Amino acid sequence: MRINLSPFNQLLDLLIPLRCIQCGTIVETQDGLCTACWPLIPFITKPFCACCGLPFDFEIEESALCGICSHKQPHYSTARSVFCYTTESKNLILKFKHTDSIGSAPLFAKWMARVIEDVDDPLCIPVPLHWTRLFMRTYNQAALLAREMATLKGWTYDPSLLIRQRRTASQGHFSKEKRRTNVRGAFKISDSKKPLLQERTVVLVDDVFTTGATLTACSKALLKAGAKEVHAVTLARVVRSRGLEI
């Protein structure tokens, strides 16, 4: 039970009670989910790949890498996600991404801030949308998450540093190789922002990690332009063995 609420907050809770972001049930805490929905969301916990964050199904040392990262180190130093993208959890993403449910951004950013490793004075930037898609959608969900994370952590937020210079096709039903080809060369750094990037650590924010193709393309562009290292963080991650193909 919550205690020590100000009279204003008590009145606000009476007028606009907190609700579960999944089912809409009134809840008493700011955790975002009711007791019935919380166990349905497959939050990612250790053990997982020390690089890409892929969850392992068995206990293994913390420094272990998955087969893909062992074969070829990604351009990002680490990638972390809050939960697996499954039938149960995808509704959280879809509502946030397509129905203007942007009020969930602060809660999602809080969850994301918990999974990212400590980094030294990073630039926090979102995976950008092409301007035509941004015009149609009216907001970039990755930018909302990055802004909230930066505010929460006291990081520098710069939504215009990374630019999507080419409108790419939706990646929804592409194969891994097709995704990689689709976003190759799609991102660049604003010339006016390159001096700000030199030898800086970057926290790169997106909503879903599917194959890592977009995060890889962005990281490659950032490192080429002078970034010291890139740490990616997403709200959800597709894990093929855990029940949902997209």
C-alpha atoms as a PDB file:
ATOM      1  CA  MET A   1       0.000   0.000   0.000  1.00  0.00           C
ATOM      2  CA  ARG A   2       1.237   3.482  -0.804  1.00  0.00           C
ATOM      3  CA  ILE A   3       1.783   5.815   2.117  1.00  0.00           C
ATOM      4  CA  ASN A   4       2.740   9.426   2.777  1.00  0.00           C
ATOM      5  CA  LEU A   5       0.970  10.811  -0.264  1.00  0.00           C
ATOM      6  CA  SER A   6       0.357  14.542  -0.368  1.00  0.00           C
ATOM      7  CA  PRO A   7      -3.278  15.692  -0.154  1.00  0.00           C
ATOM      8  CA  PHE A   8      -3.057  16.762  -3.787  1.00  0.00           C
ATOM      9  CA  ASN A   9      -1.867  13.315  -4.894  1.00  0.00           C
ATOM     10  CA  GLN A  10      -4.537  11.621  -2.809  1.00  0.00           C
ATOM     11  CA  LEU A  11      -7.187  13.759  -4.509  1.00  0.00           C
ATOM     12  CA  LEU A  12      -5.643  13.074  -7.919  1.00  0.00           C
ATOM     13  CA  ASP A  13      -5.745   9.322  -7.293  1.00  0.00           C
ATOM     14  CA  LEU A  14      -9.420   9.560  -6.406  1.00  0.00           C
ATOM     15  CA  LEU A  15     -10.215  11.497  -9.559  1.00  0.00           C
ATOM     16  CA  ILE A  16      -7.815   9.668 -11.910  1.00  0.00           C
ATOM     17  CA  PRO A  17      -6.861   6.315 -10.360  1.00  0.00           C
ATOM     18  CA  LEU A  18      -3.781   4.432 -11.522  1.00  0.00           C
ATOM     19  CA  ARG A  19      -4.607   1.652 -13.945  1.00  0.00           C
ATOM     20  CA  CYS A  20      -2.786  -1.411 -15.225  1.00  0.00           C
ATOM     21  CA  ILE A  21      -1.290  -0.546 -18.606  1.00  0.00           C
ATOM     22  CA  GLN A  22      -2.187  -4.017 -19.871  1.00  0.00           C
ATOM     23  CA  CYS A  23      -5.792  -4.655 -18.787  1.00  0.00           C
ATOM     24  CA  GLY A  24      -6.923  -1.329 -17.321  1.00  0.00           C
ATOM     25  CA  THR A  25      -7.629  -2.641 -13.812  1.00  0.00           C
ATOM     26  CA  ILE A  26      -7.219  -0.050 -11.050  1.00  0.00           C
ATOM     27  CA  VAL A  27      -3.908  -0.603  -9.211  1.00  0.00           C
ATOM     28  CA  GLU A  28      -2.496   0.822  -5.994  1.00  0.00           C
ATOM     29  CA  THR A  29       1.153   1.174  -7.033  1.00  0.00           C
ATOM     30  CA  GLN A  30       3.016   2.884  -9.850  1.00  0.00           C
ATOM     31  CA  ASP A  31       4.567  -0.348 -11.093  1.00  0.00           C
ATOM     32  CA  GLY A  32       2.293  -0.201 -14.139  1.00  0.00           C
ATOM     33  CA  LEU A  33       0.894  -3.726 -14.047  1.00  0.00           C
ATOM     34  CA  CYS A  34      -1.661  -5.431 -11.853  1.00  0.00           C
ATOM     35  CA  THR A  35      -0.839  -8.608  -9.962  1.00  0.00           C
ATOM     36  CA  ALA A  36      -2.621 -10.692 -12.600  1.00  0.00           C
ATOM     37  CA  CYS A  37      -0.790  -9.205 -15.606  1.00  0.00           C
ATOM     38  CA  TRP A  38       2.673  -8.889 -14.095  1.00  0.00           C
ATOM     39  CA  PRO A  39       3.508 -12.652 -14.312  1.00  0.00           C
ATOM     40  CA  LEU A  40       2.388 -12.722 -17.961  1.00  0.00           C
ATOM     41  CA  ILE A  41       5.103 -10.310 -19.097  1.00  0.00           C
ATOM     42  CA  PRO A  42       8.356 -12.255 -19.683  1.00  0.00           C
ATOM     43  CA  PHE A  43      10.865  -9.848 -18.153  1.00  0.00           C
ATOM     44  CA  ILE A  44      14.448 -10.711 -19.111  1.00  0.00           C
ATOM     45  CA  THR A  45      16.740 -11.618 -16.240  1.00  0.00           C
ATOM     46  CA  LYS A  46      20.177 -13.198 -16.016  1.00  0.00           C
ATOM     47  CA  PRO A  47      21.656 -15.317 -17.439  1.00  0.00           C
ATOM     48  CA  PHE A  48      21.941 -13.672 -20.851  1.00  0.00           C
ATOM     49  CA  CYS A  49      24.597 -12.969 -23.487  1.00  0.00           C
ATOM     50  CA  ALA A  50      27.100 -10.443 -22.141  1.00  0.00           C
ATOM     51  CA  CYS A  51      27.013  -8.622 -25.469  1.00  0.00           C
ATOM     52  CA  CYS A  52      23.591  -8.722 -27.138  1.00  0.00           C
ATOM     53  CA  GLY A  53      21.532  -9.640 -24.064  1.00  0.00           C
ATOM     54  CA  LEU A  54      19.972 -12.781 -25.568  1.00  0.00           C
ATOM     55  CA  PRO A  55      18.518 -14.725 -22.621  1.00  0.00           C
ATOM     56  CA  PHE A  56      19.925 -18.182 -22.011  1.00  0.00           C
ATOM     57  CA  ASP A  57      17.760 -21.119 -20.983  1.00  0.00           C
ATOM     58  CA  PHE A  58      20.432 -22.465 -18.638  1.00  0.00           C
ATOM     59  CA  GLU A  59      22.831 -21.146 -16.012  1.00  0.00           C
ATOM     60  CA  ILE A  60      26.132 -19.934 -17.422  1.00  0.00           C
ATOM     61  CA  GLU A  61      28.875 -17.518 -16.410  1.00  0.00           C
ATOM     62  CA  GLU A  62      28.031 -13.822 -16.731  1.00  0.00           C
ATOM     63  CA  SER A  63      30.749 -13.146 -19.317  1.00  0.00           C
ATOM     64  CA  ALA A  64      29.434 -15.804 -21.716  1.00  0.00           C
ATOM     65  CA  LEU A  65      28.501 -14.843 -25.265  1.00  0.00           C
ATOM     66  CA  CYS A  66      25.810 -16.345 -27.454  1.00  0.00           C
ATOM     67  CA  GLY A  67      26.851 -18.184 -30.600  1.00  0.00           C
ATOM     68  CA  ILE A  68      26.212 -15.215 -32.899  1.00  0.00           C
ATOM     69  CA  CYS A  69      28.233 -12.734 -30.818  1.00  0.00           C
ATOM     70  CA  SER A  70      31.019 -15.294 -30.375  1.00  0.00           C
ATOM     71  CA  HIS A  71      31.229 -15.644 -34.141  1.00  0.00           C
ATOM     72  CA  LYS A  72      31.135 -11.919 -34.893  1.00  0.00           C
ATOM     73  CA  GLN A  73      31.164  -9.065 -32.353  1.00  0.00           C
ATOM     74  CA  PRO A  74      28.336  -6.596 -33.088  1.00  0.00           C
ATOM     75  CA  HIS A  75      29.146  -2.933 -33.648  1.00  0.00           C
ATOM     76  CA  TYR A  76      27.415  -2.046 -30.374  1.00  0.00           C
ATOM     77  CA  SER A  77      29.219  -2.923 -27.128  1.00  0.00           C
ATOM     78  CA  THR A  78      26.087  -4.144 -25.356  1.00  0.00           C
ATOM     79  CA  ALA A  79      22.365  -4.450 -26.034  1.00  0.00           C
ATOM     80  CA  ARG A  80      19.793  -4.886 -23.287  1.00  0.00           C
ATOM     81  CA  SER A  81      16.011  -5.306 -23.360  1.00  0.00           C
ATOM     82  CA  VAL A  82      13.340  -5.241 -20.668  1.00  0.00           C
ATOM     83  CA  PHE A  83      11.158  -8.152 -21.767  1.00  0.00           C
ATOM     84  CA  CYS A  84      10.705 -10.720 -24.526  1.00  0.00           C
ATOM     85  CA  TYR A  85       8.301  -9.842 -27.318  1.00  0.00           C
ATOM     86  CA  THR A  86       5.619 -12.496 -26.986  1.00  0.00           C
ATOM     87  CA  THR A  87       1.904 -12.906 -27.526  1.00  0.00           C
ATOM     88  CA  GLU A  88       1.339 -11.663 -23.971  1.00  0.00           C
ATOM     89  CA  SER A  89       3.662  -8.661 -24.111  1.00  0.00           C
ATOM     90  CA  LYS A  90       3.219  -7.410 -27.683  1.00  0.00           C
ATOM     91  CA  ASN A  91       0.039  -5.537 -26.743  1.00  0.00           C
ATOM     92  CA  LEU A  92       2.088  -3.142 -24.596  1.00  0.00           C
ATOM     93  CA  ILE A  93       4.262  -2.323 -27.596  1.00  0.00           C
ATOM     94  CA  LEU A  94       1.464  -2.045 -30.132  1.00  0.00           C
ATOM     95  CA  LYS A  95      -0.628   0.286 -27.980  1.00  0.00           C
ATOM     96  CA  PHE A  96       2.371   2.512 -27.326  1.00  0.00           C
ATOM     97  CA  LYS A  97       3.477   2.507 -30.966  1.00  0.00           C
ATOM     98  CA  HIS A  98       0.217   2.805 -32.855  1.00  0.00           C
ATOM     99  CA  THR A  99      -2.576   4.144 -30.630  1.00  0.00           C
ATOM    100  CA  ASP A 100      -1.039   7.317 -29.150  1.00  0.00           C
ATOM    101  CA  SER A 101      -0.736   5.709 -25.704  1.00  0.00           C
ATOM    102  CA  ILE A 102       2.300   7.870 -25.010  1.00  0.00           C
ATOM    103  CA  GLY A 103       1.488   8.183 -21.310  1.00  0.00           C
ATOM    104  CA  SER A 104       3.288   4.875 -20.781  1.00  0.00           C
ATOM    105  CA  ALA A 105       6.648   6.344 -21.875  1.00  0.00           C
ATOM    106  CA  PRO A 106       7.850   7.383 -18.372  1.00  0.00           C
ATOM    107  CA  LEU A 107       7.086   3.933 -16.960  1.00  0.00           C
ATOM    108  CA  PHE A 108       8.738   2.125 -19.867  1.00  0.00           C
ATOM    109  CA  ALA A 109      11.789   4.394 -19.594  1.00  0.00           C
ATOM    110  CA  LYS A 110      12.069   3.571 -15.905  1.00  0.00           C
ATOM    111  CA  TRP A 111      12.091  -0.135 -16.740  1.00  0.00           C
ATOM    112  CA  MET A 112      14.700   0.443 -19.448  1.00  0.00           C
ATOM    113  CA  ALA A 113      16.931   2.497 -17.172  1.00  0.00           C
ATOM    114  CA  ARG A 114      17.123  -0.477 -14.809  1.00  0.00           C
ATOM    115  CA  VAL A 115      18.554  -2.833 -17.426  1.00  0.00           C
ATOM    116  CA  ILE A 116      21.238  -0.616 -18.954  1.00  0.00           C
ATOM    117  CA  GLU A 117      24.707  -0.888 -17.456  1.00  0.00           C
ATOM    118  CA  ASP A 118      26.340   2.104 -15.792  1.00  0.00           C
ATOM    119  CA  VAL A 119      27.867   4.275 -18.504  1.00  0.00           C
ATOM    120  CA  ASP A 120      29.944   7.409 -18.144  1.00  0.00           C
ATOM    121  CA  ASP A 121      28.213  10.629 -19.225  1.00  0.00           C
ATOM    122  CA  PRO A 122      26.626   9.275 -22.425  1.00  0.00           C
ATOM    123  CA  LEU A 123      24.701  10.917 -25.188  1.00  0.00           C
ATOM    124  CA  CYS A 124      21.206   9.406 -25.244  1.00  0.00           C
ATOM    125  CA  ILE A 125      19.713   9.246 -28.722  1.00  0.00           C
ATOM    126  CA  PRO A 126      16.792   7.432 -30.370  1.00  0.00           C
ATOM    127  CA  VAL A 127      16.735   5.354 -33.516  1.00  0.00           C
ATOM    128  CA  PRO A 128      15.228   7.959 -35.860  1.00  0.00           C
ATOM    129  CA  LEU A 129      12.239   7.729 -38.152  1.00  0.00           C
ATOM    130  CA  HIS A 130      12.398   9.046 -41.688  1.00  0.00           C
ATOM    131  CA  TRP A 131      10.742  12.461 -41.794  1.00  0.00           C
ATOM    132  CA  THR A 132       7.895  11.190 -43.989  1.00  0.00           C
ATOM    133  CA  ARG A 133       7.020   8.438 -41.523  1.00  0.00           C
ATOM    134  CA  LEU A 134       7.334  10.842 -38.597  1.00  0.00           C
ATOM    135  CA  PHE A 135       4.926  13.199 -40.367  1.00  0.00           C
ATOM    136  CA  MET A 136       2.345  10.431 -40.741  1.00  0.00           C
ATOM    137  CA  ARG A 137       2.760   8.976 -37.248  1.00  0.00           C
ATOM    138  CA  THR A 138       3.249  12.388 -35.528  1.00  0.00           C
ATOM    139  CA  TYR A 139       5.704  11.017 -32.965  1.00  0.00           C
ATOM    140  CA  ASN A 140       8.699   8.721 -32.709  1.00  0.00           C
ATOM    141  CA  GLN A 141       8.174   6.210 -29.908  1.00  0.00           C
ATOM    142  CA  ALA A 142      11.934   5.658 -29.593  1.00  0.00           C
ATOM    143  CA  ALA A 143      12.452   9.395 -29.100  1.00  0.00           C
ATOM    144  CA  LEU A 144       9.860   9.480 -26.314  1.00  0.00           C
ATOM    145  CA  LEU A 145      11.635   6.635 -24.528  1.00  0.00           C
ATOM    146  CA  ALA A 146      15.089   8.184 -25.016  1.00  0.00           C
ATOM    147  CA  ARG A 147      13.937  11.566 -23.719  1.00  0.00           C
ATOM    148  CA  GLU A 148      12.384  10.046 -20.614  1.00  0.00           C
ATOM    149  CA  MET A 149      15.475   7.908 -19.958  1.00  0.00           C
ATOM    150  CA  ALA A 150      17.793  10.896 -20.352  1.00  0.00           C
ATOM    151  CA  THR A 151      15.688  12.943 -17.951  1.00  0.00           C
ATOM    152  CA  LEU A 152      15.600  10.125 -15.419  1.00  0.00           C
ATOM    153  CA  LYS A 153      19.351   9.472 -15.587  1.00  0.00           C
ATOM    154  CA  GLY A 154      20.565  13.035 -16.079  1.00  0.00           C
ATOM    155  CA  TRP A 155      22.060  12.247 -19.495  1.00  0.00           C
ATOM    156  CA  THR A 156      22.389  14.538 -22.496  1.00  0.00           C
ATOM    157  CA  TYR A 157      19.529  13.908 -24.919  1.00  0.00           C
ATOM    158  CA  ASP A 158      19.958  14.711 -28.601  1.00  0.00           C
ATOM    159  CA  PRO A 159      17.155  13.519 -30.913  1.00  0.00           C
ATOM    160  CA  SER A 160      18.620  15.115 -34.055  1.00  0.00           C
ATOM    161  CA  LEU A 161      22.164  13.734 -33.958  1.00  0.00           C
ATOM    162  CA  LEU A 162      21.341  10.557 -35.883  1.00  0.00           C
ATOM    163  CA  ILE A 163      19.394  10.933 -39.130  1.00  0.00           C
ATOM    164  CA  ARG A 164      17.543   8.346 -41.212  1.00  0.00           C
ATOM    165  CA  GLN A 165      18.555   9.638 -44.630  1.00  0.00           C
ATOM    166  CA  ARG A 166      16.641   7.029 -46.611  1.00  0.00           C
ATOM    167  CA  ARG A 167      13.078   5.859 -46.108  1.00  0.00           C
ATOM    168  CA  THR A 168      13.315   2.106 -45.619  1.00  0.00           C
ATOM    169  CA  ALA A 169      10.555  -0.423 -46.087  1.00  0.00           C
ATOM    170  CA  SER A 170       8.866  -1.760 -42.971  1.00  0.00           C
ATOM    171  CA  GLN A 171      10.939  -4.627 -41.615  1.00  0.00           C
ATOM    172  CA  GLY A 172       7.998  -6.545 -40.136  1.00  0.00           C
ATOM    173  CA  HIS A 173       8.122  -9.663 -42.297  1.00  0.00           C
ATOM    174  CA  PHE A 174      11.666  -9.509 -43.653  1.00  0.00           C
ATOM    175  CA  SER A 175      14.237 -12.226 -43.118  1.00  0.00           C
ATOM    176  CA  LYS A 176      17.334 -11.445 -41.076  1.00  0.00           C
ATOM    177  CA  GLU A 177      19.452 -10.957 -44.193  1.00  0.00           C
ATOM    178  CA  LYS A 178      16.788  -8.811 -45.882  1.00  0.00           C
ATOM    179  CA  ARG A 179      16.549  -6.621 -42.765  1.00  0.00           C
ATOM    180  CA  ARG A 180      20.299  -6.096 -42.845  1.00  0.00           C
ATOM    181  CA  THR A 181      20.206  -5.112 -46.522  1.00  0.00           C
ATOM    182  CA  ASN A 182      17.167  -2.888 -46.026  1.00  0.00           C
ATOM    183  CA  VAL A 183      18.850  -0.605 -43.461  1.00  0.00           C
ATOM    184  CA  ARG A 184      22.384  -0.673 -44.863  1.00  0.00           C
ATOM    185  CA  GLY A 185      23.526   2.923 -45.337  1.00  0.00           C
ATOM    186  CA  ALA A 186      20.187   4.280 -44.128  1.00  0.00           C
ATOM    187  CA  PHE A 187      21.615   6.315 -41.251  1.00  0.00           C
ATOM    188  CA  LYS A 188      24.050   9.195 -41.023  1.00  0.00           C
ATOM    189  CA  ILE A 189      25.243  11.756 -38.498  1.00  0.00           C
ATOM    190  CA  SER A 190      24.328  15.395 -38.883  1.00  0.00           C
ATOM    191  CA  ASP A 191      27.499  17.232 -39.934  1.00  0.00           C
ATOM    192  CA  SER A 192      26.845  19.958 -37.379  1.00  0.00           C
ATOM    193  CA  LYS A 193      26.616  17.360 -34.600  1.00  0.00           C
ATOM    194  CA  LYS A 194      29.761  15.352 -35.403  1.00  0.00           C
ATOM    195  CA  PRO A 195      31.992  17.423 -33.077  1.00  0.00           C
ATOM    196  CA  LEU A 196      29.671  16.577 -30.164  1.00  0.00           C
ATOM    197  CA  LEU A 197      30.055  12.876 -30.868  1.00  0.00           C
ATOM    198  CA  GLN A 198      33.842  12.605 -30.772  1.00  0.00           C
ATOM    199  CA  GLU A 199      35.005  10.006 -28.209  1.00  0.00           C
ATOM    200  CA  ARG A 200      31.577  10.018 -26.550  1.00  0.00           C
ATOM    201  CA  THR A 201      29.695   7.005 -25.273  1.00  0.00           C
ATOM    202  CA  VAL A 202      26.239   6.689 -26.830  1.00  0.00           C
ATOM    203  CA  VAL A 203      23.111   5.062 -25.425  1.00  0.00           C
ATOM    204  CA  LEU A 204      20.996   4.141 -28.439  1.00  0.00           C
ATOM    205  CA  VAL A 205      17.278   3.663 -27.750  1.00  0.00           C
ATOM    206  CA  ASP A 206      14.616   1.786 -29.709  1.00  0.00           C
ATOM    207  CA  ASP A 207      11.354   0.038 -28.897  1.00  0.00           C
ATOM    208  CA  VAL A 208      11.989  -3.520 -30.202  1.00  0.00           C
ATOM    209  CA  PHE A 209      15.117  -5.579 -30.913  1.00  0.00           C
ATOM    210  CA  THR A 210      14.169  -8.098 -33.608  1.00  0.00           C
ATOM    211  CA  THR A 211      17.321  -9.231 -35.394  1.00  0.00           C
ATOM    212  CA  GLY A 212      19.549  -6.331 -34.378  1.00  0.00           C
ATOM    213  CA  ALA A 213      19.913  -5.084 -37.965  1.00  0.00           C
ATOM    214  CA  THR A 214      18.698  -1.557 -37.232  1.00  0.00           C
ATOM    215  CA  LEU A 215      20.771  -1.210 -34.062  1.00  0.00           C
ATOM    216  CA  THR A 216      23.807  -2.504 -35.947  1.00  0.00           C
ATOM    217  CA  ALA A 217      23.353  -0.032 -38.824  1.00  0.00           C
ATOM    218  CA  CYS A 218      22.947   2.866 -36.396  1.00  0.00           C
ATOM    219  CA  SER A 219      25.922   1.794 -34.293  1.00  0.00           C
ATOM    220  CA  LYS A 220      28.105   1.453 -37.354  1.00  0.00           C
ATOM    221  CA  ALA A 221      27.266   5.003 -38.449  1.00  0.00           C
ATOM    222  CA  LEU A 222      27.887   6.387 -34.949  1.00  0.00           C
ATOM    223  CA  LEU A 223      31.268   4.688 -34.565  1.00  0.00           C
ATOM    224  CA  LYS A 224      32.364   5.750 -38.037  1.00  0.00           C
ATOM    225  CA  ALA A 225      31.508   9.362 -37.149  1.00  0.00           C
ATOM    226  CA  GLY A 226      33.660   9.283 -34.004  1.00  0.00           C
ATOM    227  CA  ALA A 227      31.669   7.744 -31.145  1.00  0.00           C
ATOM    228  CA  LYS A 228      33.733   5.887 -28.562  1.00  0.00           C
ATOM    229  CA  GLU A 229      31.209   3.076 -28.021  1.00  0.00           C
ATOM    230  CA  VAL A 230      27.499   2.382 -28.334  1.00  0.00           C
ATOM    231  CA  HIS A 231      25.210   0.705 -25.803  1.00  0.00           C
ATOM    232  CA  ALA A 232      21.757  -0.180 -27.115  1.00  0.00           C
ATOM    233  CA  VAL A 233      18.628  -0.537 -25.009  1.00  0.00           C
ATOM    234  CA  THR A 234      15.143  -1.540 -26.125  1.00  0.00           C
ATOM    235  CA  LEU A 235      11.848  -2.131 -24.402  1.00  0.00           C
ATOM    236  CA  ALA A 236      11.277  -5.556 -25.973  1.00  0.00           C
ATOM    237  CA  ARG A 237      13.271  -8.236 -27.752  1.00  0.00           C
ATOM    238  CA  VAL A 238      12.150 -10.987 -30.094  1.00  0.00           C
ATOM    239  CA  VAL A 239      13.466 -14.367 -28.930  1.00  0.00           C
ATOM    240  CA  ARG A 240      12.558 -16.999 -31.488  1.00  0.00           C
ATOM    241  CA  SER A 241      12.334 -19.825 -28.961  1.00  0.00           C
ATOM    242  CA  ARG A 242       9.848 -17.969 -26.781  1.00  0.00           C
ATOM    243  CA  GLY A 243       6.674 -18.071 -28.707  1.00  0.00           C
ATOM    244  CA  LEU A 244       6.247 -15.328 -31.276  1.00  0.00           C
ATOM    245  CA  GLU A 245       7.498 -14.838 -34.813  1.00  0.00           C
ATOM    246  CA  ILE A 246       7.196 -11.349 -36.315  1.00  0.00           C
END
